[in-house]
Amino acid sequence: MTMKTFLKTFLKDESGASAAEYALIIAIVGVGIGAAALALGANVTEAIGGASDEVHACNNATAPAAAPSDYTSVTC
């Protein structure tokens, strides 16, 4: 069943209670998805901001005399 067919069937549904229940379920799921998107967006923004601060701090730090060969152990 395609979305277009589903929507046509949904709009023609005259059973009343079923259509209202489906609309309520769709509304609740939509609110849940919106809340999850806002929370995820805030977390991503915070993570990118933190990474940006770390990169900025490393770029402004004084460079060591000799760079180690293992860059994973370098701290700024």
Protein backbone atom coordinates (compact mmCIF):
# COMPACT_ATOMS: atom_id res chain seq x y z
CA MET A 1 0.00 0.00 0.00
CA THR A 2 1.47 3.31 -1.03
CA MET A 3 1.24 6.43 1.06
CA LYS A 4 -1.13 8.02 -1.47
CA THR A 5 -3.47 5.03 -1.28
CA PHE A 6 -3.27 5.02 2.50
CA LEU A 7 -4.15 8.71 2.72
CA LYS A 8 -7.09 8.32 0.31
CA THR A 9 -8.40 5.40 2.34
CA PHE A 10 -7.78 7.28 5.58
CA LEU A 11 -9.66 10.35 4.40
CA LYS A 12 -12.61 8.29 3.12
CA ASP A 13 -12.84 6.32 6.37
CA GLU A 14 -16.17 7.19 7.93
CA SER A 15 -15.96 4.93 10.93
CA GLY A 16 -15.29 7.94 13.12
CA ALA A 17 -13.61 6.40 16.13
CA SER A 18 -10.97 4.63 14.05
CA ALA A 19 -10.10 7.77 12.09
CA ALA A 20 -9.90 9.80 15.29
CA GLU A 21 -7.70 7.18 16.92
CA TYR A 22 -5.36 7.13 13.93
CA ALA A 23 -5.14 10.91 13.97
CA LEU A 24 -4.34 10.87 17.69
CA ILE A 25 -1.64 8.23 17.20
CA ILE A 26 -0.12 10.21 14.32
CA ALA A 27 -0.13 13.38 16.44
CA ILE A 28 1.55 11.65 19.40
CA VAL A 29 4.19 10.04 17.21
CA GLY A 30 4.81 13.39 15.50
CA VAL A 31 5.33 15.13 18.82
CA GLY A 32 7.70 12.35 19.90
CA ILE A 33 9.73 12.65 16.72
CA GLY A 34 9.87 16.43 17.11
CA ALA A 35 11.06 16.18 20.71
CA ALA A 36 13.70 13.62 19.76
CA ALA A 37 14.92 15.85 16.92
CA LEU A 38 15.24 18.83 19.27
CA ALA A 39 17.17 16.80 21.85
CA LEU A 40 19.44 15.30 19.21
CA GLY A 41 20.04 18.72 17.67
CA ALA A 42 21.02 20.17 21.04
CA ASN A 43 23.42 17.28 21.69
CA VAL A 44 25.02 17.58 18.27
CA THR A 45 25.40 21.34 18.68
CA GLU A 46 27.04 20.84 22.06
CA ALA A 47 29.41 18.16 20.73
CA ILE A 48 30.46 20.25 17.74
CA GLY A 49 30.95 23.30 19.95
CA GLY A 50 33.13 21.29 22.33
CA ALA A 51 35.20 19.92 19.46
CA SER A 52 35.56 23.42 18.06
CA ASP A 53 36.79 24.70 21.43
CA GLU A 54 39.35 21.88 21.64
CA VAL A 55 40.66 22.55 18.13
CA HIS A 56 40.86 26.27 18.86
CA ALA A 57 42.74 25.58 22.09
CA CYS A 58 45.18 23.28 20.32
CA ASN A 59 45.78 25.79 17.53
CA ASN A 60 46.58 28.52 20.06
CA ALA A 61 48.81 26.33 22.26
CA THR A 62 52.56 26.50 21.92
CA ALA A 63 53.92 23.71 19.73
CA PRO A 64 56.27 21.15 21.33
CA ALA A 65 59.93 21.24 20.29
CA ALA A 66 59.74 17.85 18.59
CA ALA A 67 56.43 16.39 17.50
CA PRO A 68 56.00 12.77 18.61
CA SER A 69 55.39 10.13 15.96
CA ASP A 70 52.23 8.94 17.73
CA TYR A 71 49.80 11.81 17.31
CA THR A 72 47.07 10.07 19.30
CA SER A 73 48.94 10.78 22.52
CA VAL A 74 49.38 14.51 21.84
CA THR A 75 47.56 16.76 24.28
CA CYS A 76 47.34 20.49 24.01
